[in-house]
Amino acid sequence: MNAARSAIANIYETRDGRWMQVSIVREDKMWSTLCRALRRPELEGDARFAETPIRRANAAVLTAILDDVFKAQDWAYWHHLLAEVNIPHGPIARAEDIARDAQAVAACAVVETANPEMPRTLAAPFQVGGVTPRKAGPGPGLGEHTDEILRHAGFSAEEIAELRESGAAG
């Protein structure tokens, strides 16, 4: 059970393991709509949930009830049902969802990579003016740039060879 100040502005897990957020702000206006949509009209008449302040004081109890309600059906079922009655809600994206999200792709928040094991990844959260972003690729292999870095640090070819022979550089 998750602990929140308001059970109807909270997150819930659905039967298929997806998480969703219900975001009812105008609780007194939408409470009865939610109860009817969830096929739980008895909650509307329950004194523990009659008004917003009382509902919030009993948020833990109501959250436990709603946890069970939402776990009874898959995300697609709840999405259809809640959208039909204009209850604000939405999925909580999983990592694998983000790379396929049309809005994230259109906003350039997802970029193609040169790595076949991970063809898409999240873009940098900022862009530097005048710099063209390059296609993301896999990181270097272990020791791939060792010689170059050692030369840049002032080591001679002979010193680098000695480091390699001794096992100090790979």
C-alpha atoms as a PDB file:
ATOM      1  CA  MET A   1       0.000   0.000   0.000  1.00  0.00           C
ATOM      2  CA  ASN A   2       1.292   3.458  -0.818  1.00  0.00           C
ATOM      3  CA  ALA A   3       0.830   6.307   1.648  1.00  0.00           C
ATOM      4  CA  ALA A   4      -0.516   9.543   0.237  1.00  0.00           C
ATOM      5  CA  ARG A   5      -2.355  12.591   1.482  1.00  0.00           C
ATOM      6  CA  SER A   6      -5.157  11.900  -0.979  1.00  0.00           C
ATOM      7  CA  ALA A   7      -6.190   8.470  -2.182  1.00  0.00           C
ATOM      8  CA  ILE A   8      -7.703   9.939  -5.352  1.00  0.00           C
ATOM      9  CA  ALA A   9      -4.568  11.833  -6.319  1.00  0.00           C
ATOM     10  CA  ASN A  10      -2.294   8.839  -6.075  1.00  0.00           C
ATOM     11  CA  ILE A  11      -0.603   6.013  -7.976  1.00  0.00           C
ATOM     12  CA  TYR A  12      -1.917   2.467  -8.305  1.00  0.00           C
ATOM     13  CA  GLU A  13      -0.710  -0.806  -9.773  1.00  0.00           C
ATOM     14  CA  THR A  14      -2.968  -2.598 -12.232  1.00  0.00           C
ATOM     15  CA  ARG A  15      -3.402  -6.336 -12.751  1.00  0.00           C
ATOM     16  CA  ASP A  16      -0.898  -6.431 -15.623  1.00  0.00           C
ATOM     17  CA  GLY A  17       1.827  -4.853 -13.493  1.00  0.00           C
ATOM     18  CA  ARG A  18       1.494  -1.394 -15.008  1.00  0.00           C
ATOM     19  CA  TRP A  19       1.317   1.635 -12.741  1.00  0.00           C
ATOM     20  CA  MET A  20      -1.100   4.474 -13.262  1.00  0.00           C
ATOM     21  CA  GLN A  21      -1.753   7.798 -11.643  1.00  0.00           C
ATOM     22  CA  VAL A  22      -5.197   9.084 -10.773  1.00  0.00           C
ATOM     23  CA  SER A  23      -5.088  12.869 -10.387  1.00  0.00           C
ATOM     24  CA  ILE A  24      -8.394  14.169  -9.106  1.00  0.00           C
ATOM     25  CA  VAL A  25      -7.875  17.684  -7.768  1.00  0.00           C
ATOM     26  CA  ARG A  26     -11.497  18.787  -7.394  1.00  0.00           C
ATOM     27  CA  GLU A  27     -12.340  15.886  -5.145  1.00  0.00           C
ATOM     28  CA  ASP A  28     -15.851  16.849  -4.050  1.00  0.00           C
ATOM     29  CA  LYS A  29     -16.903  17.411  -7.664  1.00  0.00           C
ATOM     30  CA  MET A  30     -15.460  14.136  -9.029  1.00  0.00           C
ATOM     31  CA  TRP A  31     -15.829  11.752  -6.073  1.00  0.00           C
ATOM     32  CA  SER A  32     -19.228  10.366  -7.030  1.00  0.00           C
ATOM     33  CA  THR A  33     -18.166  10.035 -10.689  1.00  0.00           C
ATOM     34  CA  LEU A  34     -15.152   8.003  -9.616  1.00  0.00           C
ATOM     35  CA  CYS A  35     -17.214   5.749  -7.329  1.00  0.00           C
ATOM     36  CA  ARG A  36     -19.694   4.999 -10.095  1.00  0.00           C
ATOM     37  CA  ALA A  37     -16.947   4.452 -12.693  1.00  0.00           C
ATOM     38  CA  LEU A  38     -15.194   1.986 -10.394  1.00  0.00           C
ATOM     39  CA  ARG A  39     -18.508   0.150  -9.882  1.00  0.00           C
ATOM     40  CA  ARG A  40     -18.176   0.878  -6.155  1.00  0.00           C
ATOM     41  CA  PRO A  41     -21.223   3.088  -5.412  1.00  0.00           C
ATOM     42  CA  GLU A  42     -21.132   2.081  -1.741  1.00  0.00           C
ATOM     43  CA  LEU A  43     -17.965   4.159  -1.308  1.00  0.00           C
ATOM     44  CA  GLU A  44     -19.897   7.299  -2.179  1.00  0.00           C
ATOM     45  CA  GLY A  45     -22.204   6.779   0.799  1.00  0.00           C
ATOM     46  CA  ASP A  46     -19.462   5.679   3.199  1.00  0.00           C
ATOM     47  CA  ALA A  47     -19.187   8.238   6.032  1.00  0.00           C
ATOM     48  CA  ARG A  48     -15.376   7.802   6.099  1.00  0.00           C
ATOM     49  CA  PHE A  49     -15.191   9.290   2.610  1.00  0.00           C
ATOM     50  CA  ALA A  50     -18.150  11.711   2.589  1.00  0.00           C
ATOM     51  CA  GLU A  51     -16.187  14.966   2.169  1.00  0.00           C
ATOM     52  CA  THR A  52     -12.664  15.892   1.142  1.00  0.00           C
ATOM     53  CA  PRO A  53     -11.256  16.578   4.647  1.00  0.00           C
ATOM     54  CA  ILE A  54     -12.725  13.320   5.996  1.00  0.00           C
ATOM     55  CA  ARG A  55     -11.591  11.403   2.888  1.00  0.00           C
ATOM     56  CA  ARG A  56      -8.067  12.759   3.368  1.00  0.00           C
ATOM     57  CA  ALA A  57      -8.076  11.854   7.061  1.00  0.00           C
ATOM     58  CA  ASN A  58      -8.963   8.314   5.954  1.00  0.00           C
ATOM     59  CA  ALA A  59      -6.602   8.274   2.963  1.00  0.00           C
ATOM     60  CA  ALA A  60      -4.787   5.132   4.121  1.00  0.00           C
ATOM     61  CA  VAL A  61      -8.045   3.166   4.350  1.00  0.00           C
ATOM     62  CA  LEU A  62      -9.310   4.421   0.993  1.00  0.00           C
ATOM     63  CA  THR A  63      -5.934   3.828  -0.643  1.00  0.00           C
ATOM     64  CA  ALA A  64      -6.006   0.192   0.496  1.00  0.00           C
ATOM     65  CA  ILE A  65      -9.489  -0.201  -0.996  1.00  0.00           C
ATOM     66  CA  LEU A  66      -8.457   1.423  -4.281  1.00  0.00           C
ATOM     67  CA  ASP A  67      -5.254  -0.652  -4.407  1.00  0.00           C
ATOM     68  CA  ASP A  68      -7.447  -3.764  -4.522  1.00  0.00           C
ATOM     69  CA  VAL A  69      -9.888  -2.225  -7.003  1.00  0.00           C
ATOM     70  CA  PHE A  70      -7.196  -1.210  -9.507  1.00  0.00           C
ATOM     71  CA  LYS A  71      -5.324  -4.523  -9.188  1.00  0.00           C
ATOM     72  CA  ALA A  72      -8.456  -6.313 -10.386  1.00  0.00           C
ATOM     73  CA  GLN A  73      -8.127  -5.131 -14.021  1.00  0.00           C
ATOM     74  CA  ASP A  74      -5.416  -4.298 -16.569  1.00  0.00           C
ATOM     75  CA  TRP A  75      -4.233  -0.771 -17.394  1.00  0.00           C
ATOM     76  CA  ALA A  76      -6.103  -0.725 -20.734  1.00  0.00           C
ATOM     77  CA  TYR A  77      -9.396  -1.429 -18.959  1.00  0.00           C
ATOM     78  CA  TRP A  78      -8.901   1.410 -16.452  1.00  0.00           C
ATOM     79  CA  HIS A  79      -7.703   3.799 -19.121  1.00  0.00           C
ATOM     80  CA  HIS A  80     -10.804   3.234 -21.223  1.00  0.00           C
ATOM     81  CA  LEU A  81     -13.169   3.385 -18.240  1.00  0.00           C
ATOM     82  CA  LEU A  82     -11.689   6.516 -16.634  1.00  0.00           C
ATOM     83  CA  ALA A  83     -11.301   8.365 -19.942  1.00  0.00           C
ATOM     84  CA  GLU A  84     -14.954   7.716 -20.685  1.00  0.00           C
ATOM     85  CA  VAL A  85     -16.005   9.713 -17.584  1.00  0.00           C
ATOM     86  CA  ASN A  86     -13.204  12.317 -17.755  1.00  0.00           C
ATOM     87  CA  ILE A  87     -11.349  11.208 -14.633  1.00  0.00           C
ATOM     88  CA  PRO A  88      -7.795  12.600 -14.914  1.00  0.00           C
ATOM     89  CA  HIS A  89      -5.397   9.671 -15.065  1.00  0.00           C
ATOM     90  CA  GLY A  90      -2.413   8.392 -16.972  1.00  0.00           C
ATOM     91  CA  PRO A  91       0.147   5.624 -17.205  1.00  0.00           C
ATOM     92  CA  ILE A  92       3.437   5.796 -15.387  1.00  0.00           C
ATOM     93  CA  ALA A  93       5.932   5.076 -18.126  1.00  0.00           C
ATOM     94  CA  ARG A  94       8.384   2.228 -17.865  1.00  0.00           C
ATOM     95  CA  ALA A  95      11.894   2.697 -19.222  1.00  0.00           C
ATOM     96  CA  GLU A  96      11.064   0.624 -22.308  1.00  0.00           C
ATOM     97  CA  ASP A  97       7.984   2.752 -22.992  1.00  0.00           C
ATOM     98  CA  ILE A  98       9.900   6.012 -23.249  1.00  0.00           C
ATOM     99  CA  ALA A  99      11.972   5.014 -26.291  1.00  0.00           C
ATOM    100  CA  ARG A 100       8.748   4.182 -28.177  1.00  0.00           C
ATOM    101  CA  ASP A 101       6.763   7.209 -27.035  1.00  0.00           C
ATOM    102  CA  ALA A 102       5.738   9.278 -30.082  1.00  0.00           C
ATOM    103  CA  GLN A 103       5.753  12.531 -28.129  1.00  0.00           C
ATOM    104  CA  ALA A 104       9.229  11.879 -26.689  1.00  0.00           C
ATOM    105  CA  VAL A 105      10.561  11.039 -30.167  1.00  0.00           C
ATOM    106  CA  ALA A 106       8.939  14.144 -31.719  1.00  0.00           C
ATOM    107  CA  ALA A 107      10.431  16.329 -28.973  1.00  0.00           C
ATOM    108  CA  CYS A 108      13.894  14.852 -29.710  1.00  0.00           C
ATOM    109  CA  ALA A 109      14.049  13.488 -26.164  1.00  0.00           C
ATOM    110  CA  VAL A 110      14.907  10.099 -27.644  1.00  0.00           C
ATOM    111  CA  VAL A 111      17.786   9.619 -30.072  1.00  0.00           C
ATOM    112  CA  GLU A 112      18.971   6.821 -32.315  1.00  0.00           C
ATOM    113  CA  THR A 113      22.290   5.231 -31.393  1.00  0.00           C
ATOM    114  CA  ALA A 114      24.995   3.366 -33.273  1.00  0.00           C
ATOM    115  CA  ASN A 115      24.762   0.578 -30.709  1.00  0.00           C
ATOM    116  CA  PRO A 116      22.734  -2.380 -32.041  1.00  0.00           C
ATOM    117  CA  GLU A 117      22.175  -3.628 -28.484  1.00  0.00           C
ATOM    118  CA  MET A 118      20.485  -0.348 -27.554  1.00  0.00           C
ATOM    119  CA  PRO A 119      19.148   1.295 -30.744  1.00  0.00           C
ATOM    120  CA  ARG A 120      17.491   4.207 -28.903  1.00  0.00           C
ATOM    121  CA  THR A 121      18.337   6.116 -25.761  1.00  0.00           C
ATOM    122  CA  LEU A 122      17.335   9.279 -23.957  1.00  0.00           C
ATOM    123  CA  ALA A 123      18.895  12.417 -25.383  1.00  0.00           C
ATOM    124  CA  ALA A 124      20.949  14.842 -23.333  1.00  0.00           C
ATOM    125  CA  PRO A 125      18.605  17.085 -21.343  1.00  0.00           C
ATOM    126  CA  PHE A 126      20.115  20.196 -22.955  1.00  0.00           C
ATOM    127  CA  GLN A 127      21.532  21.335 -26.300  1.00  0.00           C
ATOM    128  CA  VAL A 128      24.658  23.464 -26.715  1.00  0.00           C
ATOM    129  CA  GLY A 129      24.227  26.198 -29.307  1.00  0.00           C
ATOM    130  CA  GLY A 130      26.309  25.727 -32.445  1.00  0.00           C
ATOM    131  CA  VAL A 131      27.145  22.107 -31.657  1.00  0.00           C
ATOM    132  CA  THR A 132      25.595  19.349 -33.728  1.00  0.00           C
ATOM    133  CA  PRO A 133      24.846  16.357 -31.527  1.00  0.00           C
ATOM    134  CA  ARG A 134      26.547  13.180 -32.678  1.00  0.00           C
ATOM    135  CA  LYS A 135      24.918   9.801 -32.805  1.00  0.00           C
ATOM    136  CA  ALA A 136      25.356   7.975 -29.521  1.00  0.00           C
ATOM    137  CA  GLY A 137      27.397   4.821 -29.696  1.00  0.00           C
ATOM    138  CA  PRO A 138      28.780   2.191 -27.393  1.00  0.00           C
ATOM    139  CA  GLY A 139      31.495   3.179 -24.945  1.00  0.00           C
ATOM    140  CA  PRO A 140      35.093   2.278 -25.687  1.00  0.00           C
ATOM    141  CA  GLY A 141      36.326  -1.205 -24.955  1.00  0.00           C
ATOM    142  CA  LEU A 142      38.567  -1.821 -21.968  1.00  0.00           C
ATOM    143  CA  GLY A 143      42.008  -0.443 -22.815  1.00  0.00           C
ATOM    144  CA  GLU A 144      40.922   0.817 -26.238  1.00  0.00           C
ATOM    145  CA  HIS A 145      42.413   4.297 -25.710  1.00  0.00           C
ATOM    146  CA  THR A 146      45.179   3.464 -23.228  1.00  0.00           C
ATOM    147  CA  ASP A 147      48.107   4.106 -25.576  1.00  0.00           C
ATOM    148  CA  GLU A 148      46.646   7.374 -26.815  1.00  0.00           C
ATOM    149  CA  ILE A 149      46.062   8.632 -23.266  1.00  0.00           C
ATOM    150  CA  LEU A 150      49.519   7.584 -22.101  1.00  0.00           C
ATOM    151  CA  ARG A 151      51.145   9.329 -25.115  1.00  0.00           C
ATOM    152  CA  HIS A 152      49.124  12.448 -24.314  1.00  0.00           C
ATOM    153  CA  ALA A 153      50.390  12.206 -20.704  1.00  0.00           C
ATOM    154  CA  GLY A 154      53.982  12.247 -22.006  1.00  0.00           C
ATOM    155  CA  PHE A 155      54.920   8.563 -22.022  1.00  0.00           C
ATOM    156  CA  SER A 156      57.220   7.357 -24.807  1.00  0.00           C
ATOM    157  CA  ALA A 157      56.451   4.327 -26.978  1.00  0.00           C
ATOM    158  CA  GLU A 158      59.089   2.350 -25.041  1.00  0.00           C
ATOM    159  CA  GLU A 159      57.565   3.319 -21.664  1.00  0.00           C
ATOM    160  CA  ILE A 160      54.094   2.331 -22.864  1.00  0.00           C
ATOM    161  CA  ALA A 161      55.452  -1.034 -24.049  1.00  0.00           C
ATOM    162  CA  GLU A 162      57.057  -1.580 -20.621  1.00  0.00           C
ATOM    163  CA  LEU A 163      53.777  -0.738 -18.878  1.00  0.00           C
ATOM    164  CA  ARG A 164      51.964  -3.234 -21.075  1.00  0.00           C
ATOM    165  CA  GLU A 165      54.595  -5.950 -20.492  1.00  0.00           C
ATOM    166  CA  SER A 166      54.408  -5.464 -16.724  1.00  0.00           C
ATOM    167  CA  GLY A 167      50.592  -5.672 -16.804  1.00  0.00           C
ATOM    168  CA  ALA A 168      50.204  -2.125 -15.450  1.00  0.00           C
ATOM    169  CA  ALA A 169      48.441  -1.019 -18.664  1.00  0.00           C
ATOM    170  CA  GLY A 170      45.976  -3.116 -20.568  1.00  0.00           C
END
